Amino acid sequence: LGTLLEIMALICGMPVCTQYHFGDFCARMIDRMKHF
């Protein structure tokens, strides 16, 4: 199901060529989704 989160990150336009801490990754994604 982690791949589903990654797909959402692609929808959010989050850069792929970055190494993330998972918690920060999710927080950034939620923030971006609030502006959908």
Full PDB file with SEQRES, HELIX, SHEET, SSBOND, CRYST1, ORIGX, SCALE, CONECT and MASTER records, all heavy atoms in Angstrom:
SEQRES   1 A   36  LEU GLY THR LEU LEU GLU ILE MET ALA LEU ILE CYS GLY          
SEQRES   2 A   36  MET PRO VAL CYS THR GLN TYR HIS PHE GLY ASP PHE CYS          
SEQRES   3 A   36  ALA ARG MET ILE ASP ARG MET LYS HIS PHE                      
HELIX    1 AA1 GLY A    2  ILE A   11  1                                  10    
HELIX    2 AA2 PHE A   22  MET A   33  1                                  12    
CRYST1    1.000    1.000    1.000  90.00  90.00  90.00 P 1           1          
ORIGX1      1.000000  0.000000  0.000000        0.00000                         
ORIGX2      0.000000  1.000000  0.000000        0.00000                         
ORIGX3      0.000000  0.000000  1.000000        0.00000                         
SCALE1      1.000000  0.000000  0.000000        0.00000                         
SCALE2      0.000000  1.000000  0.000000        0.00000                         
SCALE3      0.000000  0.000000  1.000000        0.00000                         
ATOM      1  N   LEU A   1       0.813  -1.208   0.000  1.00  0.00           N  
ATOM      2  CA  LEU A   1       0.000   0.000   0.000  1.00  0.00           C  
ATOM      3  C   LEU A   1       0.851   1.264   0.000  1.00  0.00           C  
ATOM      4  O   LEU A   1       0.366   2.341  -0.317  1.00  0.00           O  
ATOM      5  CB  LEU A   1      -0.940  -0.010   1.203  1.00  0.00           C  
ATOM      6  CG  LEU A   1      -2.054  -1.059   1.117  1.00  0.00           C  
ATOM      7  CD1 LEU A   1      -2.831  -1.157   2.406  1.00  0.00           C  
ATOM      8  CD2 LEU A   1      -3.007  -0.707  -0.020  1.00  0.00           C  
ATOM      9  N   GLY A   2       2.125   1.105   0.357  1.00  0.00           N  
ATOM     10  CA  GLY A   2       3.036   2.240   0.263  1.00  0.00           C  
ATOM     11  C   GLY A   2       3.145   2.774  -1.156  1.00  0.00           C  
ATOM     12  O   GLY A   2       3.366   3.969  -1.367  1.00  0.00           O  
ATOM     13  N   THR A   3       2.988   1.879  -2.149  1.00  0.00           N  
ATOM     14  CA  THR A   3       3.036   2.337  -3.538  1.00  0.00           C  
ATOM     15  C   THR A   3       1.859   3.259  -3.853  1.00  0.00           C  
ATOM     16  O   THR A   3       1.961   4.126  -4.714  1.00  0.00           O  
ATOM     17  CB  THR A   3       3.046   1.152  -4.512  1.00  0.00           C  
ATOM     18  OG1 THR A   3       1.870   0.340  -4.323  1.00  0.00           O  
ATOM     19  CG2 THR A   3       4.279   0.281  -4.286  1.00  0.00           C  
ATOM     20  N   LEU A   4       0.729   3.059  -3.161  1.00  0.00           N  
ATOM     21  CA  LEU A   4      -0.407   3.955  -3.352  1.00  0.00           C  
ATOM     22  C   LEU A   4      -0.075   5.357  -2.847  1.00  0.00           C  
ATOM     23  O   LEU A   4      -0.418   6.356  -3.480  1.00  0.00           O  
ATOM     24  CB  LEU A   4      -1.632   3.402  -2.627  1.00  0.00           C  
ATOM     25  CG  LEU A   4      -2.931   4.220  -2.726  1.00  0.00           C  
ATOM     26  CD1 LEU A   4      -3.338   4.420  -4.183  1.00  0.00           C  
ATOM     27  CD2 LEU A   4      -4.056   3.525  -1.953  1.00  0.00           C  
ATOM     28  N   LEU A   5       0.625   5.436  -1.722  1.00  0.00           N  
ATOM     29  CA  LEU A   5       1.063   6.737  -1.224  1.00  0.00           C  
ATOM     30  C   LEU A   5       2.023   7.407  -2.212  1.00  0.00           C  
ATOM     31  O   LEU A   5       1.966   8.615  -2.428  1.00  0.00           O  
ATOM     32  CB  LEU A   5       1.740   6.589   0.136  1.00  0.00           C  
ATOM     33  CG  LEU A   5       0.889   6.067   1.290  1.00  0.00           C  
ATOM     34  CD1 LEU A   5       1.686   6.084   2.592  1.00  0.00           C  
ATOM     35  CD2 LEU A   5      -0.377   6.885   1.431  1.00  0.00           C  
ATOM     36  N   GLU A   6       2.889   6.615  -2.801  1.00  0.00           N  
ATOM     37  CA  GLU A   6       3.829   7.172  -3.777  1.00  0.00           C  
ATOM     38  C   GLU A   6       3.100   7.704  -5.011  1.00  0.00           C  
ATOM     39  O   GLU A   6       3.484   8.726  -5.578  1.00  0.00           O  
ATOM     40  CB  GLU A   6       4.848   6.111  -4.182  1.00  0.00           C  
ATOM     41  CG  GLU A   6       5.817   5.738  -3.059  1.00  0.00           C  
ATOM     42  CD  GLU A   6       7.003   4.945  -3.558  1.00  0.00           C  
ATOM     43  OE1 GLU A   6       7.212   4.912  -4.784  1.00  0.00           O  
ATOM     44  OE2 GLU A   6       7.730   4.374  -2.736  1.00  0.00           O  
ATOM     45  N   ILE A   7       2.059   7.002  -5.432  1.00  0.00           N  
ATOM     46  CA  ILE A   7       1.275   7.473  -6.565  1.00  0.00           C  
ATOM     47  C   ILE A   7       0.623   8.812  -6.238  1.00  0.00           C  
ATOM     48  O   ILE A   7       0.577   9.726  -7.067  1.00  0.00           O  
ATOM     49  CB  ILE A   7       0.228   6.425  -6.964  1.00  0.00           C  
ATOM     50  CG1 ILE A   7       0.906   5.255  -7.676  1.00  0.00           C  
ATOM     51  CG2 ILE A   7      -0.853   7.028  -7.858  1.00  0.00           C  
ATOM     52  CD1 ILE A   7       0.016   4.073  -7.937  1.00  0.00           C  
ATOM     53  N   MET A   8       0.153   8.938  -5.009  1.00  0.00           N  
ATOM     54  CA  MET A   8      -0.414  10.218  -4.582  1.00  0.00           C  
ATOM     55  C   MET A   8       0.642  11.312  -4.605  1.00  0.00           C  
ATOM     56  O   MET A   8       0.361  12.460  -4.964  1.00  0.00           O  
ATOM     57  CB  MET A   8      -1.006  10.077  -3.182  1.00  0.00           C  
ATOM     58  CG  MET A   8      -2.214   9.161  -3.131  1.00  0.00           C  
ATOM     59  SD  MET A   8      -2.638   8.723  -1.431  1.00  0.00           S  
ATOM     60  CE  MET A   8      -2.997  10.345  -0.766  1.00  0.00           C  
ATOM     61  N   ALA A   9       1.875  10.957  -4.250  1.00  0.00           N  
ATOM     62  CA  ALA A   9       2.965  11.934  -4.303  1.00  0.00           C  
ATOM     63  C   ALA A   9       3.233  12.377  -5.736  1.00  0.00           C  
ATOM     64  O   ALA A   9       3.552  13.541  -5.992  1.00  0.00           O  
ATOM     65  CB  ALA A   9       4.225  11.346  -3.671  1.00  0.00           C  
ATOM     66  N   LEU A  10       3.110  11.430  -6.691  1.00  0.00           N  
ATOM     67  CA  LEU A  10       3.245  11.792  -8.098  1.00  0.00           C  
ATOM     68  C   LEU A  10       2.143  12.766  -8.508  1.00  0.00           C  
ATOM     69  O   LEU A  10       2.389  13.730  -9.240  1.00  0.00           O  
ATOM     70  CB  LEU A  10       3.193  10.541  -8.980  1.00  0.00           C  
ATOM     71  CG  LEU A  10       4.379   9.578  -8.906  1.00  0.00           C  
ATOM     72  CD1 LEU A  10       4.087   8.321  -9.731  1.00  0.00           C  
ATOM     73  CD2 LEU A  10       5.660  10.235  -9.412  1.00  0.00           C  
ATOM     74  N   ILE A  11       0.920  12.505  -8.040  1.00  0.00           N  
ATOM     75  CA  ILE A  11      -0.192  13.410  -8.325  1.00  0.00           C  
ATOM     76  C   ILE A  11       0.092  14.796  -7.755  1.00  0.00           C  
ATOM     77  O   ILE A  11      -0.238  15.815  -8.358  1.00  0.00           O  
ATOM     78  CB  ILE A  11      -1.504  12.861  -7.731  1.00  0.00           C  
ATOM     79  CG1 ILE A  11      -1.870  11.520  -8.366  1.00  0.00           C  
ATOM     80  CG2 ILE A  11      -2.655  13.852  -7.940  1.00  0.00           C  
ATOM     81  CD1 ILE A  11      -3.048  10.830  -7.694  1.00  0.00           C  
ATOM     82  N   CYS A  12       0.753  14.826  -6.602  1.00  0.00           N  
ATOM     83  CA  CYS A  12       1.079  16.090  -5.944  1.00  0.00           C  
ATOM     84  C   CYS A  12       2.252  16.817  -6.593  1.00  0.00           C  
ATOM     85  O   CYS A  12       2.549  17.961  -6.245  1.00  0.00           O  
ATOM     86  CB  CYS A  12       1.409  15.850  -4.474  1.00  0.00           C  
ATOM     87  SG  CYS A  12       0.010  15.305  -3.471  1.00  0.00           S  
ATOM     88  N   GLY A  13       2.931  16.139  -7.517  1.00  0.00           N  
ATOM     89  CA  GLY A  13       4.083  16.762  -8.157  1.00  0.00           C  
ATOM     90  C   GLY A  13       5.319  16.814  -7.285  1.00  0.00           C  
ATOM     91  O   GLY A  13       6.195  17.665  -7.481  1.00  0.00           O  
ATOM     92  N   MET A  14       5.444  15.897  -6.308  1.00  0.00           N  
ATOM     93  CA  MET A  14       6.620  15.873  -5.445  1.00  0.00           C  
ATOM     94  C   MET A  14       7.812  15.284  -6.188  1.00  0.00           C  
ATOM     95  O   MET A  14       7.678  14.256  -6.864  1.00  0.00           O  
ATOM     96  CB  MET A  14       6.328  15.071  -4.174  1.00  0.00           C  
ATOM     97  CG  MET A  14       5.356  15.779  -3.241  1.00  0.00           C  
ATOM     98  SD  MET A  14       4.966  14.835  -1.741  1.00  0.00           S  
ATOM     99  CE  MET A  14       6.580  14.658  -0.986  1.00  0.00           C  
ATOM    100  N   PRO A  15       8.988  15.899  -6.089  1.00  0.00           N  
ATOM    101  CA  PRO A  15      10.164  15.411  -6.810  1.00  0.00           C  
ATOM    102  C   PRO A  15      10.523  13.980  -6.415  1.00  0.00           C  
ATOM    103  O   PRO A  15      10.458  13.622  -5.235  1.00  0.00           O  
ATOM    104  CB  PRO A  15      11.268  16.389  -6.375  1.00  0.00           C  
ATOM    105  CG  PRO A  15      10.552  17.601  -5.872  1.00  0.00           C  
ATOM    106  CD  PRO A  15       9.265  17.124  -5.305  1.00  0.00           C  
ATOM    107  N   VAL A  16      10.905  13.187  -7.401  1.00  0.00           N  
ATOM    108  CA  VAL A  16      11.272  11.800  -7.153  1.00  0.00           C  
ATOM    109  C   VAL A  16      12.730  11.675  -6.743  1.00  0.00           C  
ATOM    110  O   VAL A  16      13.072  10.825  -5.903  1.00  0.00           O  
ATOM    111  CB  VAL A  16      10.993  10.937  -8.408  1.00  0.00           C  
ATOM    112  CG1 VAL A  16      11.518   9.519  -8.226  1.00  0.00           C  
ATOM    113  CG2 VAL A  16       9.501  10.904  -8.709  1.00  0.00           C  
ATOM    114  N   CYS A  17      13.600  12.492  -7.319  1.00  0.00           N  
ATOM    115  CA  CYS A  17      15.042  12.363  -7.091  1.00  0.00           C  
ATOM    116  C   CYS A  17      15.486  13.041  -5.800  1.00  0.00           C  
ATOM    117  O   CYS A  17      16.429  13.833  -5.767  1.00  0.00           O  
ATOM    118  CB  CYS A  17      15.819  12.915  -8.293  1.00  0.00           C  
ATOM    119  SG  CYS A  17      15.633  11.903  -9.784  1.00  0.00           S  
ATOM    120  N   THR A  18      14.790  12.719  -4.710  1.00  0.00           N  
ATOM    121  CA  THR A  18      15.099  13.217  -3.374  1.00  0.00           C  
ATOM    122  C   THR A  18      14.920  12.072  -2.393  1.00  0.00           C  
ATOM    123  O   THR A  18      14.000  11.262  -2.550  1.00  0.00           O  
ATOM    124  CB  THR A  18      14.163  14.386  -2.991  1.00  0.00           C  
ATOM    125  OG1 THR A  18      14.355  15.478  -3.904  1.00  0.00           O  
ATOM    126  CG2 THR A  18      14.424  14.869  -1.581  1.00  0.00           C  
ATOM    127  N   GLN A  19      15.772  11.985  -1.398  1.00  0.00           N  
ATOM    128  CA  GLN A  19      15.590  10.994  -0.342  1.00  0.00           C  
ATOM    129  C   GLN A  19      14.850  11.651   0.811  1.00  0.00           C  
ATOM    130  O   GLN A  19      15.288  12.666   1.347  1.00  0.00           O  
ATOM    131  CB  GLN A  19      16.931  10.420   0.115  1.00  0.00           C  
ATOM    132  CG  GLN A  19      16.799   9.205   1.020  1.00  0.00           C  
ATOM    133  CD  GLN A  19      18.108   8.467   1.230  1.00  0.00           C  
ATOM    134  OE1 GLN A  19      19.171   8.974   0.873  1.00  0.00           O  
ATOM    135  NE2 GLN A  19      18.062   7.264   1.791  1.00  0.00           N  
ATOM    136  N   TYR A  20      13.713  11.060   1.189  1.00  0.00           N  
ATOM    137  CA  TYR A  20      12.832  11.649   2.196  1.00  0.00           C  
ATOM    138  C   TYR A  20      12.835  10.827   3.481  1.00  0.00           C  
ATOM    139  O   TYR A  20      12.984   9.596   3.448  1.00  0.00           O  
ATOM    140  CB  TYR A  20      11.377  11.685   1.698  1.00  0.00           C  
ATOM    141  CG  TYR A  20      11.109  12.515   0.470  1.00  0.00           C  
ATOM    142  CD1 TYR A  20      11.192  11.948  -0.795  1.00  0.00           C  
ATOM    143  CD2 TYR A  20      10.729  13.844   0.561  1.00  0.00           C  
ATOM    144  CE1 TYR A  20      10.915  12.699  -1.933  1.00  0.00           C  
ATOM    145  CE2 TYR A  20      10.441  14.607  -0.566  1.00  0.00           C  
ATOM    146  CZ  TYR A  20      10.537  14.021  -1.819  1.00  0.00           C  
ATOM    147  OH  TYR A  20      10.257  14.751  -2.951  1.00  0.00           O  
ATOM    148  N   HIS A  21      12.624  11.485   4.593  1.00  0.00           N  
ATOM    149  CA  HIS A  21      12.161  10.798   5.789  1.00  0.00           C  
ATOM    150  C   HIS A  21      10.658  10.582   5.630  1.00  0.00           C  
ATOM    151  O   HIS A  21       9.942  11.491   5.194  1.00  0.00           O  
ATOM    152  CB  HIS A  21      12.470  11.603   7.046  1.00  0.00           C  
ATOM    153  CG  HIS A  21      13.910  11.510   7.464  1.00  0.00           C  
ATOM    154  ND1 HIS A  21      14.476  10.333   7.932  1.00  0.00           N  
ATOM    155  CD2 HIS A  21      14.891  12.440   7.481  1.00  0.00           C  
ATOM    156  CE1 HIS A  21      15.754  10.547   8.211  1.00  0.00           C  
ATOM    157  NE2 HIS A  21      16.039  11.798   7.943  1.00  0.00           N  
ATOM    158  N   PHE A  22      10.189   9.394   5.967  1.00  0.00           N  
ATOM    159  CA  PHE A  22       8.824   9.009   5.631  1.00  0.00           C  
ATOM    160  C   PHE A  22       7.787   9.950   6.250  1.00  0.00           C  
ATOM    161  O   PHE A  22       6.815  10.338   5.590  1.00  0.00           O  
ATOM    162  CB  PHE A  22       8.563   7.567   6.082  1.00  0.00           C  
ATOM    163  CG  PHE A  22       7.219   7.042   5.668  1.00  0.00           C  
ATOM    164  CD1 PHE A  22       6.952   6.761   4.343  1.00  0.00           C  
ATOM    165  CD2 PHE A  22       6.221   6.838   6.613  1.00  0.00           C  
ATOM    166  CE1 PHE A  22       5.705   6.276   3.948  1.00  0.00           C  
ATOM    167  CE2 PHE A  22       4.976   6.352   6.234  1.00  0.00           C  
ATOM    168  CZ  PHE A  22       4.714   6.071   4.905  1.00  0.00           C  
ATOM    169  N   GLY A  23       7.976  10.314   7.498  1.00  0.00           N  
ATOM    170  CA  GLY A  23       7.026  11.215   8.141  1.00  0.00           C  
ATOM    171  C   GLY A  23       6.959  12.562   7.448  1.00  0.00           C  
ATOM    172  O   GLY A  23       5.881  13.122   7.240  1.00  0.00           O  
ATOM    173  N   ASP A  24       8.106  13.103   7.077  1.00  0.00           N  
ATOM    174  CA  ASP A  24       8.160  14.381   6.365  1.00  0.00           C  
ATOM    175  C   ASP A  24       7.519  14.255   4.994  1.00  0.00           C  
ATOM    176  O   ASP A  24       6.822  15.165   4.530  1.00  0.00           O  
ATOM    177  CB  ASP A  24       9.611  14.844   6.246  1.00  0.00           C  
ATOM    178  CG  ASP A  24       9.736  16.208   5.589  1.00  0.00           C  
ATOM    179  OD1 ASP A  24       9.081  17.152   6.047  1.00  0.00           O  
ATOM    180  OD2 ASP A  24      10.514  16.324   4.619  1.00  0.00           O  
ATOM    181  N   PHE A  25       7.756  13.113   4.329  1.00  0.00           N  
ATOM    182  CA  PHE A  25       7.165  12.834   3.031  1.00  0.00           C  
ATOM    183  C   PHE A  25       5.643  12.906   3.110  1.00  0.00           C  
ATOM    184  O   PHE A  25       4.989  13.559   2.286  1.00  0.00           O  
ATOM    185  CB  PHE A  25       7.632  11.447   2.576  1.00  0.00           C  
ATOM    186  CG  PHE A  25       6.983  10.902   1.338  1.00  0.00           C  
ATOM    187  CD1 PHE A  25       7.400  11.311   0.084  1.00  0.00           C  
ATOM    188  CD2 PHE A  25       5.974   9.956   1.434  1.00  0.00           C  
ATOM    189  CE1 PHE A  25       6.822  10.781  -1.063  1.00  0.00           C  
ATOM    190  CE2 PHE A  25       5.392   9.426   0.293  1.00  0.00           C  
ATOM    191  CZ  PHE A  25       5.809   9.842  -0.956  1.00  0.00           C  
ATOM    192  N   CYS A  26       5.057  12.253   4.107  1.00  0.00           N  
ATOM    193  CA  CYS A  26       3.610  12.245   4.259  1.00  0.00           C  
ATOM    194  C   CYS A  26       3.068  13.629   4.601  1.00  0.00           C  
ATOM    195  O   CYS A  26       2.029  14.052   4.084  1.00  0.00           O  
ATOM    196  CB  CYS A  26       3.203  11.243   5.339  1.00  0.00           C  
ATOM    197  SG  CYS A  26       3.543   9.510   4.913  1.00  0.00           S  
ATOM    198  N   ALA A  27       3.781  14.345   5.455  1.00  0.00           N  
ATOM    199  CA  ALA A  27       3.339  15.686   5.833  1.00  0.00           C  
ATOM    200  C   ALA A  27       3.318  16.627   4.640  1.00  0.00           C  
ATOM    201  O   ALA A  27       2.379  17.405   4.451  1.00  0.00           O  
ATOM    202  CB  ALA A  27       4.245  16.239   6.935  1.00  0.00           C  
ATOM    203  N   ARG A  28       4.365  16.563   3.814  1.00  0.00           N  
ATOM    204  CA  ARG A  28       4.416  17.409   2.617  1.00  0.00           C  
ATOM    205  C   ARG A  28       3.277  17.067   1.661  1.00  0.00           C  
ATOM    206  O   ARG A  28       2.673  17.945   1.049  1.00  0.00           O  
ATOM    207  CB  ARG A  28       5.749  17.235   1.908  1.00  0.00           C  
ATOM    208  CG  ARG A  28       6.960  17.755   2.665  1.00  0.00           C  
ATOM    209  CD  ARG A  28       8.194  17.711   1.776  1.00  0.00           C  
ATOM    210  NE  ARG A  28       9.420  17.869   2.512  1.00  0.00           N  
ATOM    211  CZ  ARG A  28      10.609  17.988   1.934  1.00  0.00           C  
ATOM    212  NH1 ARG A  28      10.711  17.979   0.621  1.00  0.00           N  
ATOM    213  NH2 ARG A  28      11.695  18.126   2.680  1.00  0.00           N  
ATOM    214  N   MET A  29       3.012  15.777   1.545  1.00  0.00           N  
ATOM    215  CA  MET A  29       1.960  15.337   0.628  1.00  0.00           C  
ATOM    216  C   MET A  29       0.589  15.839   1.092  1.00  0.00           C  
ATOM    217  O   MET A  29      -0.194  16.348   0.288  1.00  0.00           O  
ATOM    218  CB  MET A  29       1.980  13.813   0.541  1.00  0.00           C  
ATOM    219  CG  MET A  29       1.103  13.272  -0.547  1.00  0.00           C  
ATOM    220  SD  MET A  29       1.460  11.556  -0.991  1.00  0.00           S  
ATOM    221  CE  MET A  29       2.082  10.836   0.496  1.00  0.00           C  
ATOM    222  N   ILE A  30       0.297  15.701   2.375  1.00  0.00           N  
ATOM    223  CA  ILE A  30      -0.962  16.183   2.921  1.00  0.00           C  
ATOM    224  C   ILE A  30      -1.107  17.677   2.690  1.00  0.00           C  
ATOM    225  O   ILE A  30      -2.170  18.173   2.304  1.00  0.00           O  
ATOM    226  CB  ILE A  30      -1.067  15.866   4.423  1.00  0.00           C  
ATOM    227  CG1 ILE A  30      -1.222  14.367   4.651  1.00  0.00           C  
ATOM    228  CG2 ILE A  30      -2.220  16.635   5.061  1.00  0.00           C  
ATOM    229  CD1 ILE A  30      -2.557  13.810   4.284  1.00  0.00           C  
ATOM    230  N   ASP A  31      -0.041  18.420   2.911  1.00  0.00           N  
ATOM    231  CA  ASP A  31      -0.070  19.866   2.718  1.00  0.00           C  
ATOM    232  C   ASP A  31      -0.397  20.208   1.270  1.00  0.00           C  
ATOM    233  O   ASP A  31      -1.183  21.125   1.002  1.00  0.00           O  
ATOM    234  CB  ASP A  31       1.264  20.473   3.129  1.00  0.00           C  
ATOM    235  CG  ASP A  31       1.247  21.987   3.116  1.00  0.00           C  
ATOM    236  OD1 ASP A  31       0.434  22.572   3.833  1.00  0.00           O  
ATOM    237  OD2 ASP A  31       2.044  22.580   2.374  1.00  0.00           O  
ATOM    238  N   ARG A  32       0.223  19.483   0.337  1.00  0.00           N  
ATOM    239  CA  ARG A  32      -0.050  19.738  -1.072  1.00  0.00           C  
ATOM    240  C   ARG A  32      -1.479  19.365  -1.450  1.00  0.00           C  
ATOM    241  O   ARG A  32      -2.127  20.061  -2.249  1.00  0.00           O  
ATOM    242  CB  ARG A  32       0.940  18.991  -1.949  1.00  0.00           C  
ATOM    243  CG  ARG A  32       2.350  19.573  -1.918  1.00  0.00           C  
ATOM    244  CD  ARG A  32       3.327  18.751  -2.715  1.00  0.00           C  
ATOM    245  NE  ARG A  32       4.644  19.365  -2.725  1.00  0.00           N  
ATOM    246  CZ  ARG A  32       5.265  19.814  -3.805  1.00  0.00           C  
ATOM    247  NH1 ARG A  32       4.683  19.716  -4.990  1.00  0.00           N  
ATOM    248  NH2 ARG A  32       6.466  20.366  -3.721  1.00  0.00           N  
ATOM    249  N   MET A  33      -1.997  18.298  -0.885  1.00  0.00           N  
ATOM    250  CA  MET A  33      -3.349  17.866  -1.208  1.00  0.00           C  
ATOM    251  C   MET A  33      -4.410  18.863  -0.747  1.00  0.00           C  
ATOM    252  O   MET A  33      -5.476  18.979  -1.348  1.00  0.00           O  
ATOM    253  CB  MET A  33      -3.625  16.499  -0.590  1.00  0.00           C  
ATOM    254  CG  MET A  33      -2.982  15.367  -1.363  1.00  0.00           C  
ATOM    255  SD  MET A  33      -3.496  13.786  -0.751  1.00  0.00           S  
ATOM    256  CE  MET A  33      -2.044  13.123  -0.257  1.00  0.00           C  
ATOM    257  N   LYS A  34      -4.102  19.596   0.310  1.00  0.00           N  
ATOM    258  CA  LYS A  34      -5.040  20.607   0.794  1.00  0.00           C  
ATOM    259  C   LYS A  34      -5.271  21.709  -0.231  1.00  0.00           C  
ATOM    260  O   LYS A  34      -6.238  22.464  -0.119  1.00  0.00           O  
ATOM    261  CB  LYS A  34      -4.527  21.199   2.107  1.00  0.00           C  
ATOM    262  CG  LYS A  34      -4.558  20.222   3.277  1.00  0.00           C  
ATOM    263  CD  LYS A  34      -3.966  20.846   4.524  1.00  0.00           C  
ATOM    264  CE  LYS A  34      -3.990  19.876   5.696  1.00  0.00           C  
ATOM    265  NZ  LYS A  34      -3.362  20.471   6.920  1.00  0.00           N  
ATOM    266  N   HIS A  35      -4.381  21.795  -1.225  1.00  0.00           N  
ATOM    267  CA  HIS A  35      -4.488  22.825  -2.252  1.00  0.00           C  
ATOM    268  C   HIS A  35      -4.964  22.257  -3.594  1.00  0.00           C  
ATOM    269  O   HIS A  35      -4.918  22.948  -4.609  1.00  0.00           O  
ATOM    270  CB  HIS A  35      -3.152  23.541  -2.428  1.00  0.00           C  
ATOM    271  CG  HIS A  35      -2.657  24.224  -1.185  1.00  0.00           C  
ATOM    272  ND1 HIS A  35      -2.994  25.516  -0.862  1.00  0.00           N  
ATOM    273  CD2 HIS A  35      -1.876  23.775  -0.178  1.00  0.00           C  
ATOM    274  CE1 HIS A  35      -2.426  25.841   0.296  1.00  0.00           C  
ATOM    275  NE2 HIS A  35      -1.733  24.804   0.733  1.00  0.00           N  
ATOM    276  N   PHE A  36      -5.433  21.011  -3.579  1.00  0.00           N  
ATOM    277  CA  PHE A  36      -5.889  20.374  -4.812  1.00  0.00           C  
ATOM    278  C   PHE A  36      -7.012  21.147  -5.485  1.00  0.00           C  
ATOM    279  O   PHE A  36      -7.120  21.173  -6.705  1.00  0.00           O  
ATOM    280  CB  PHE A  36      -6.361  18.947  -4.526  1.00  0.00           C  
ATOM    281  CG  PHE A  36      -5.284  17.915  -4.678  1.00  0.00           C  
ATOM    282  CD1 PHE A  36      -3.952  18.278  -4.755  1.00  0.00           C  
ATOM    283  CD2 PHE A  36      -5.606  16.569  -4.743  1.00  0.00           C  
ATOM    284  CE1 PHE A  36      -2.961  17.319  -4.890  1.00  0.00           C  
ATOM    285  CE2 PHE A  36      -4.625  15.607  -4.875  1.00  0.00           C  
ATOM    286  CZ  PHE A  36      -3.304  15.981  -4.947  1.00  0.00           C  
TER     287      PHE A  36                                                      
MASTER        0    0    0    2    0    0    0    6  286    1    0    3          
END                                                                             
